[in-house]
């Protein structure tokens, strides 16, 4: 019988059968060890993350973890490369150098035009076998140029990339809120336009999804802190004060304003003014941000005890009348002593105004202070 894991309590976890094995759910996998050469991250690492953040792309994860892509070292030309480049410039390359041209262009794509010029000259005097060899060189040179052109550029080229590159933490929280409130949605708004050459937006980005309850806000914040701590290996205590502060604002101002406050704090961290939440709170910056927001939110109005006392009761506190018999049930007089508690207007007798008319039954008793004993209590 398979023993369940004593850390995640899953029977499929290898740690249950072998204590030396790592629990698959205990903490995130090391991002640095799970980063693929193409900039993506392994499926194993994504599986160790919360459901709401597993769709993070490599660029966003890089920004959160602080990973920087190191540029490839400059390629130094060997003596043979230098001699071949000189031959290309002089248009003196011979047929025996055709194979060497392929490797040269792979290292130095800017030599492709000169290489093709030399191949064109050689092709004019080549025999059948040499023509086939030159044809292969053409194909490989074109492939080397295409591969060099397809090297990814480490810059934002879409609105989504612009947001996550400049505001990774704020964008991460917005993504989590959107997934919590609406489910996973990977489609970008087609109306958003962005010019990668200038880095400017043509129209504002789509509004962030708003939380609908305090529960969803705090759940989203819990997913956020779990994700950031797992990716950056920060201690849980780093986000204790932040979580408490957001909870307090949510209690007094509501979840929407607490979300706005959190967004302001995260953007301040994204802008690099503070390295971490601990430094931000030690400086008291959270108080300044909250004060700025309070100006736009307006005063927090709480009803005073005096206003509560002056407020009229919602139900009619007057005692009910014990009705007696009506002296003249049909077409008799109406005393009109019963009025509406809110409008203070006398209530009409539904029996007197009924078609056909019905006998009245709500007669005033003999001890009623109005002195109209036996009359209908309602207005006729």
Protein backbone atom coordinates (compact mmCIF):
# COMPACT_ATOMS: atom_id res chain seq x y z
CA UNK A 1 0.00 0.00 0.00
CA UNK A 2 1.37 3.43 -1.02
CA UNK A 3 2.05 5.79 1.86
CA UNK A 4 0.67 9.33 1.43
CA UNK A 5 3.11 12.21 1.65
CA UNK A 6 3.35 13.72 5.14
CA UNK A 7 3.78 17.23 3.70
CA UNK A 8 1.12 17.57 0.99
CA UNK A 9 -0.91 14.44 1.99
CA UNK A 10 -1.20 13.33 -1.65
CA UNK A 11 -0.85 9.62 -2.23
CA UNK A 12 0.74 10.22 -5.64
CA UNK A 13 3.60 12.32 -4.21
CA UNK A 14 6.94 10.47 -4.39
CA UNK A 15 7.96 11.79 -0.96
CA UNK A 16 5.44 9.43 0.64
CA UNK A 17 7.14 6.32 -0.70
CA UNK A 18 10.67 7.68 -0.36
CA UNK A 19 11.53 10.22 2.33
CA UNK A 20 14.62 11.25 0.35
CA UNK A 21 12.45 12.40 -2.56
CA UNK A 22 11.30 15.99 -2.70
CA UNK A 23 7.64 16.79 -2.05
CA UNK A 24 6.22 18.01 -5.35
CA UNK A 25 3.95 20.54 -3.63
CA UNK A 26 6.30 21.88 -0.95
CA UNK A 27 7.40 25.28 -2.21
CA UNK A 28 8.08 26.32 -5.77
CA UNK A 29 10.67 24.67 -7.92
CA UNK A 30 13.85 26.70 -8.27
CA UNK A 31 13.17 29.19 -11.11
CA UNK A 32 16.82 29.45 -12.12
CA UNK A 33 17.12 25.68 -12.49
CA UNK A 34 13.83 25.41 -14.39
CA UNK A 35 14.39 28.17 -16.96
CA UNK A 36 14.64 26.85 -20.51
CA UNK A 37 17.08 28.31 -23.07
CA UNK A 38 14.19 29.88 -25.01
CA UNK A 39 13.11 31.93 -21.97
CA UNK A 40 10.18 29.72 -20.91
CA UNK A 41 9.94 27.81 -17.64
CA UNK A 42 9.44 24.09 -17.13
CA UNK A 43 6.03 22.51 -16.70
CA UNK A 44 7.19 21.07 -13.36
CA UNK A 45 7.79 24.55 -11.96
CA UNK A 46 4.44 25.84 -13.24
CA UNK A 47 2.70 22.84 -11.64
CA UNK A 48 4.13 23.85 -8.25
CA UNK A 49 2.55 27.33 -8.53
CA UNK A 50 -1.05 28.33 -7.66
CA UNK A 51 -3.62 27.70 -10.39
CA UNK A 52 -4.20 31.43 -10.88
CA UNK A 53 -0.54 32.11 -11.78
CA UNK A 54 0.48 29.07 -13.79
CA UNK A 55 -0.07 30.89 -17.10
CA UNK A 56 2.66 33.50 -16.40
CA UNK A 57 4.96 33.73 -19.40
CA UNK A 58 8.74 33.66 -19.23
CA UNK A 59 9.22 37.42 -19.56
CA UNK A 60 6.89 38.15 -16.63
CA UNK A 61 8.55 35.49 -14.47
CA UNK A 62 11.98 36.91 -15.34
CA UNK A 63 10.88 40.36 -14.17
CA UNK A 64 9.60 39.03 -10.83
CA UNK A 65 12.64 36.84 -10.13
CA UNK A 66 15.06 39.52 -11.32
CA UNK A 67 16.58 37.27 -13.95
CA UNK A 68 18.61 39.17 -16.54
CA UNK A 69 19.41 37.76 -19.93
CA UNK A 70 23.16 37.93 -20.49
CA UNK A 71 24.07 39.00 -23.99
CA UNK A 72 26.14 36.53 -25.96
CA UNK A 73 29.86 37.27 -26.01
CA UNK A 74 31.16 38.93 -29.15
CA UNK A 75 32.50 36.41 -31.68
CA UNK A 76 36.17 36.93 -32.43
CA UNK A 77 37.33 36.16 -35.96
CA UNK A 78 40.13 33.62 -36.27
CA UNK A 79 43.06 34.05 -38.64
CA UNK A 80 41.32 31.77 -41.15
CA UNK A 81 38.11 33.82 -40.84
CA UNK A 82 40.02 37.05 -41.42
CA UNK A 83 41.70 35.64 -44.53
CA UNK A 84 38.36 34.40 -45.91
CA UNK A 85 36.70 37.76 -45.24
CA UNK A 86 39.54 39.47 -47.13
CA UNK A 87 38.99 37.07 -50.03
CA UNK A 88 35.27 37.91 -50.05
CA UNK A 89 36.06 41.61 -50.19
CA UNK A 90 38.45 41.08 -53.07
CA UNK A 91 36.05 38.65 -54.81
CA UNK A 92 38.80 36.01 -55.03
CA UNK A 93 37.22 33.08 -53.13
CA UNK A 94 37.85 29.75 -54.89
CA UNK A 95 35.64 26.65 -55.12
CA UNK A 96 37.53 24.89 -52.34
CA UNK A 97 36.40 27.63 -49.94
CA UNK A 98 32.64 27.21 -50.63
CA UNK A 99 32.13 24.94 -47.64
CA UNK A 100 33.99 27.38 -45.40
CA UNK A 101 31.64 30.20 -46.46
CA UNK A 102 28.70 28.50 -44.73
CA UNK A 103 30.42 28.47 -41.34
CA UNK A 104 31.66 32.02 -41.82
CA UNK A 105 28.19 33.41 -42.52
CA UNK A 106 26.79 31.53 -39.52
CA UNK A 107 29.32 33.37 -37.33
CA UNK A 108 29.14 36.67 -39.20
CA UNK A 109 25.74 37.07 -40.95
CA UNK A 110 26.79 40.50 -42.26
CA UNK A 111 29.12 38.69 -44.74
CA UNK A 112 26.16 37.03 -46.50
CA UNK A 113 25.99 39.58 -49.35
CA UNK A 114 29.71 39.28 -50.13
CA UNK A 115 29.46 35.49 -49.96
CA UNK A 116 26.61 35.44 -52.48
CA UNK A 117 28.57 37.74 -54.81
CA UNK A 118 31.51 35.32 -54.81
CA UNK A 119 29.20 32.33 -55.31
CA UNK A 120 27.62 34.02 -58.33
CA UNK A 121 31.06 34.42 -59.89
CA UNK A 122 31.97 30.78 -59.21
CA UNK A 123 28.63 29.55 -60.54
CA UNK A 124 29.37 30.98 -63.99
CA UNK A 125 32.27 28.52 -64.54
CA UNK A 126 31.16 25.59 -62.34
CA UNK A 127 30.44 22.05 -63.64
CA UNK A 128 27.48 19.93 -62.56
CA UNK A 129 28.90 18.69 -59.25
CA UNK A 130 30.24 22.14 -58.37
CA UNK A 131 26.88 23.73 -59.22
CA UNK A 132 25.14 21.38 -56.74
CA UNK A 133 27.71 22.27 -54.08
CA UNK A 134 27.19 26.00 -54.66
CA UNK A 135 23.39 25.49 -54.51
CA UNK A 136 23.70 23.91 -51.07
CA UNK A 137 25.83 26.87 -49.96
CA UNK A 138 23.10 29.28 -51.11
CA UNK A 139 20.50 27.42 -49.02
CA UNK A 140 22.64 27.25 -45.88
CA UNK A 141 23.64 30.90 -46.12
CA UNK A 142 19.98 31.94 -46.42
CA UNK A 143 19.15 29.79 -43.39
CA UNK A 144 21.95 31.35 -41.33
CA UNK A 145 20.68 34.85 -42.19
CA UNK A 146 17.09 33.88 -41.25
CA UNK A 147 18.20 32.42 -37.91
CA UNK A 148 20.11 35.59 -37.08
CA UNK A 149 17.07 37.73 -37.92
CA UNK A 150 14.77 35.64 -35.71
CA UNK A 151 16.80 36.19 -32.54
CA UNK A 152 14.29 37.49 -29.97
CA UNK A 153 14.63 41.13 -28.99
CA UNK A 154 14.55 41.70 -25.22
CA UNK A 155 12.03 44.56 -25.29
CA UNK A 156 8.30 45.08 -24.96
CA UNK A 157 6.47 44.82 -28.28
CA UNK A 158 2.87 44.47 -27.05
CA UNK A 159 0.72 46.25 -24.52
CA UNK A 160 0.74 43.22 -22.24
CA UNK A 161 4.55 43.03 -22.34
CA UNK A 162 4.83 46.77 -21.72
CA UNK A 163 2.76 46.46 -18.55
CA UNK A 164 4.54 43.42 -17.15
CA UNK A 165 8.01 44.76 -17.97
CA UNK A 166 7.45 48.11 -16.27
CA UNK A 167 4.98 47.04 -13.54
CA UNK A 168 5.48 43.28 -12.99
CA UNK A 169 4.07 43.13 -9.44
CA UNK A 170 1.04 45.32 -10.15
CA UNK A 171 0.33 43.38 -13.35
CA UNK A 172 0.70 40.07 -11.52
CA UNK A 173 -1.92 41.10 -8.95
CA UNK A 174 -4.27 42.34 -11.68
CA UNK A 175 -3.88 39.00 -13.46
CA UNK A 176 -4.70 37.10 -10.28
CA UNK A 177 -7.79 39.26 -9.59
CA UNK A 178 -8.99 38.72 -13.15
CA UNK A 179 -8.58 34.95 -12.82
CA UNK A 180 -10.31 34.90 -9.42
CA UNK A 181 -13.24 37.03 -10.58
CA UNK A 182 -13.66 35.85 -14.19
CA UNK A 183 -11.62 32.70 -14.62
CA UNK A 184 -8.52 32.36 -16.76
CA UNK A 185 -8.58 34.65 -19.81
CA UNK A 186 -5.51 34.84 -22.00
CA UNK A 187 -6.96 37.09 -24.74
CA UNK A 188 -5.60 40.60 -25.07
CA UNK A 189 -7.92 43.44 -25.96
CA UNK A 190 -7.71 44.05 -29.72
CA UNK A 191 -8.43 47.74 -29.20
CA UNK A 192 -5.14 48.25 -27.38
CA UNK A 193 -2.44 49.69 -29.65
CA UNK A 194 1.24 50.06 -28.83
CA UNK A 195 4.18 51.45 -30.78
CA UNK A 196 7.32 49.41 -29.90
CA UNK A 197 9.59 51.93 -31.63
CA UNK A 198 8.59 54.79 -29.31
CA UNK A 199 7.34 52.80 -26.32
CA UNK A 200 4.12 54.84 -26.26
CA UNK A 201 0.50 53.72 -26.09
CA UNK A 202 -2.01 54.98 -28.63
CA UNK A 203 -4.98 54.50 -26.30
CA UNK A 204 -5.14 53.74 -22.57
CA UNK A 205 -4.86 50.15 -21.46
CA UNK A 206 -8.00 48.29 -20.49
CA UNK A 207 -9.26 48.97 -16.98
CA UNK A 208 -8.20 46.48 -14.36
CA UNK A 209 -10.76 43.97 -13.16
CA UNK A 210 -12.29 45.09 -9.86
CA UNK A 211 -12.76 42.73 -6.93
CA UNK A 212 -16.33 42.11 -5.87
CA UNK A 213 -15.84 41.26 -2.21
CA UNK A 214 -13.40 41.43 0.69
CA UNK A 215 -13.07 37.65 0.50
CA UNK A 216 -11.94 37.71 -3.14
CA UNK A 217 -9.55 40.59 -2.41
CA UNK A 218 -7.80 38.82 0.44
CA UNK A 219 -7.77 35.51 -1.45
CA UNK A 220 -6.14 37.24 -4.43
CA UNK A 221 -3.61 38.87 -2.12
CA UNK A 222 -2.83 35.48 -0.58
CA UNK A 223 -2.18 33.99 -4.04
CA UNK A 224 -0.05 37.02 -4.91
CA UNK A 225 2.16 36.78 -1.82
CA UNK A 226 2.50 33.00 -2.21
CA UNK A 227 3.60 33.39 -5.83
CA UNK A 228 6.09 36.19 -5.21
CA UNK A 229 7.60 34.47 -2.18
CA UNK A 230 7.95 31.21 -4.11
CA UNK A 231 9.59 32.85 -7.13
CA UNK A 232 11.91 35.20 -5.24
CA UNK A 233 12.56 33.01 -2.18
CA UNK A 234 11.58 35.88 0.12
CA UNK A 235 10.55 35.13 3.69
CA UNK A 236 6.79 35.11 4.43
CA UNK A 237 7.25 37.91 7.00
CA UNK A 238 8.08 40.32 4.15
CA UNK A 239 4.37 40.57 3.26
CA UNK A 240 2.78 40.30 6.73
CA UNK A 241 2.53 44.07 7.24
CA UNK A 242 1.24 44.61 3.70
CA UNK A 243 -1.50 42.02 4.13
CA UNK A 244 -2.58 43.52 7.47
CA UNK A 245 -2.66 47.05 6.02
CA UNK A 246 -4.82 46.02 3.06
CA UNK A 247 -7.19 44.16 5.39
CA UNK A 248 -7.64 47.27 7.54
CA UNK A 249 -8.42 49.51 4.56
CA UNK A 250 -10.86 46.91 3.23
CA UNK A 251 -12.68 46.91 6.58
CA UNK A 252 -13.12 50.69 6.75
CA UNK A 253 -13.19 51.66 3.07
CA UNK A 254 -14.32 48.54 1.22
CA UNK A 255 -12.63 46.09 -1.11
CA UNK A 256 -12.50 48.37 -4.18
CA UNK A 257 -10.58 51.14 -2.43
CA UNK A 258 -8.32 48.61 -0.73
CA UNK A 259 -7.49 47.21 -4.18
CA UNK A 260 -6.65 50.72 -5.39
CA UNK A 261 -4.41 51.24 -2.36
CA UNK A 262 -2.61 47.94 -2.97
CA UNK A 263 -2.09 48.82 -6.62
CA UNK A 264 -0.44 52.12 -5.59
CA UNK A 265 1.95 50.28 -3.25
CA UNK A 266 2.88 47.66 -5.83
CA UNK A 267 3.54 50.30 -8.49
CA UNK A 268 5.83 52.11 -6.07
CA UNK A 269 7.77 48.86 -5.64
CA UNK A 270 7.81 48.25 -9.40
CA UNK A 271 9.27 51.70 -10.03
CA UNK A 272 12.30 50.71 -7.96
CA UNK A 273 11.92 53.47 -5.38
CA UNK A 274 11.87 50.77 -2.69
CA UNK A 275 13.49 47.37 -3.06
CA UNK A 276 10.90 45.50 -0.99
CA UNK A 277 7.75 46.02 1.13
CA UNK A 278 9.80 46.06 4.36
CA UNK A 279 11.76 49.12 3.21
CA UNK A 280 8.58 50.82 2.00
CA UNK A 281 6.80 50.40 5.34
CA UNK A 282 9.85 51.42 7.37
CA UNK A 283 9.93 54.71 5.46
CA UNK A 284 6.24 55.37 6.13
CA UNK A 285 5.52 55.65 2.40
CA UNK A 286 2.30 53.66 2.81
CA UNK A 287 0.86 56.49 4.94
CA UNK A 288 1.59 59.10 2.28
CA UNK A 289 0.01 56.92 -0.42
CA UNK A 290 -3.07 56.37 1.73
CA UNK A 291 -3.40 60.09 2.48
CA UNK A 292 -3.21 60.92 -1.24
CA UNK A 293 -5.95 58.40 -1.95
CA UNK A 294 -8.09 59.65 0.94
CA UNK A 295 -8.23 63.05 -0.75
CA UNK A 296 -9.77 61.49 -3.87
CA UNK A 297 -12.02 59.12 -1.90
CA UNK A 298 -13.54 61.85 0.25
CA UNK A 299 -14.35 61.80 3.98
CA UNK A 300 -15.41 58.62 5.70
CA UNK A 301 -18.90 59.47 7.01
CA UNK A 302 -20.09 57.52 10.03
CA UNK A 303 -23.53 58.27 11.57
CA UNK A 304 -23.23 59.83 15.03
CA UNK A 305 -25.05 58.51 18.07
CA UNK A 306 -27.29 61.62 18.06
CA UNK A 307 -28.35 61.06 14.46
CA UNK A 308 -29.10 57.43 15.26
CA UNK A 309 -31.37 58.56 18.13
CA UNK A 310 -33.20 61.11 15.98
CA UNK A 311 -33.80 58.65 13.19
CA UNK A 312 -37.49 57.61 13.17
CA UNK A 313 -38.31 53.93 13.71
CA UNK A 314 -38.96 51.84 10.64
CA UNK A 315 -42.13 50.18 12.05
CA UNK A 316 -45.29 51.79 13.43
CA UNK A 317 -44.90 51.84 17.24
CA UNK A 318 -48.53 52.91 17.91
CA UNK A 319 -50.87 50.41 19.65
CA UNK A 320 -53.47 48.70 17.50
CA UNK A 321 -57.15 49.67 17.92
CA UNK A 322 -59.54 46.99 19.14
CA UNK A 323 -62.42 47.47 16.75
CA UNK A 324 -66.04 47.13 17.86
CA UNK A 325 -69.35 47.00 15.96
CA UNK A 326 -70.31 49.72 13.45
CA UNK A 327 -73.57 51.54 14.25
CA UNK A 328 -74.33 52.12 10.55
CA UNK A 329 -72.39 49.47 8.58
CA UNK A 330 -73.59 50.58 5.12
CA UNK A 331 -73.05 54.17 3.92
CA UNK A 332 -72.39 55.40 7.46
CA UNK A 333 -69.88 58.10 8.55
CA UNK A 334 -66.11 57.49 8.64
CA UNK A 335 -64.11 58.85 11.59
CA UNK A 336 -60.79 58.84 9.67
CA UNK A 337 -58.70 58.31 12.81
CA UNK A 338 -56.34 55.77 11.22
CA UNK A 339 -53.60 57.42 9.16
CA UNK A 340 -50.52 56.20 7.31
CA UNK A 341 -47.46 56.07 9.60
CA UNK A 342 -45.15 57.55 6.95
CA UNK A 343 -47.36 60.01 5.01
CA UNK A 344 -49.64 60.91 7.97
CA UNK A 345 -52.61 60.86 5.58
CA UNK A 346 -55.92 59.20 6.67
CA UNK A 347 -56.43 55.76 5.16
CA UNK A 348 -59.54 55.18 3.04
CA UNK A 349 -62.00 52.49 3.96
CA UNK A 350 -61.76 49.76 1.32
CA UNK A 351 -65.22 48.43 2.21
CA UNK A 352 -66.99 51.79 1.89
CA UNK A 353 -65.37 52.45 -1.51
CA UNK A 354 -65.79 48.90 -2.72
CA UNK A 355 -67.99 48.26 -5.77
CA UNK A 356 -70.53 47.07 -4.81
CA UNK A 357 -70.33 48.71 -1.38
CA UNK A 358 -69.73 46.37 1.57
CA UNK A 359 -70.68 46.82 5.25
CA UNK A 360 -67.97 48.38 7.42
CA UNK A 361 -66.61 46.24 10.28
CA UNK A 362 -63.85 48.46 11.86
CA UNK A 363 -65.99 50.30 14.42
CA UNK A 364 -64.47 52.52 17.11
CA UNK A 365 -64.98 51.19 20.66
CA UNK A 366 -66.97 53.19 23.22
CA UNK A 367 -63.88 54.22 25.20
CA UNK A 368 -62.02 55.67 22.17
CA UNK A 369 -60.77 59.24 22.91
CA UNK A 370 -62.16 60.62 19.65
CA UNK A 371 -65.71 60.34 20.99
CA UNK A 372 -66.91 58.80 17.73
CA UNK A 373 -68.07 55.46 19.15
CA UNK A 374 -69.59 53.12 16.56
CA UNK A 375 -68.24 55.02 13.52
CA UNK A 376 -65.89 53.36 10.97
CA UNK A 377 -62.29 54.04 11.97
CA UNK A 378 -61.26 54.69 8.35
CA UNK A 379 -62.03 57.69 6.15
CA UNK A 380 -65.14 57.51 3.92
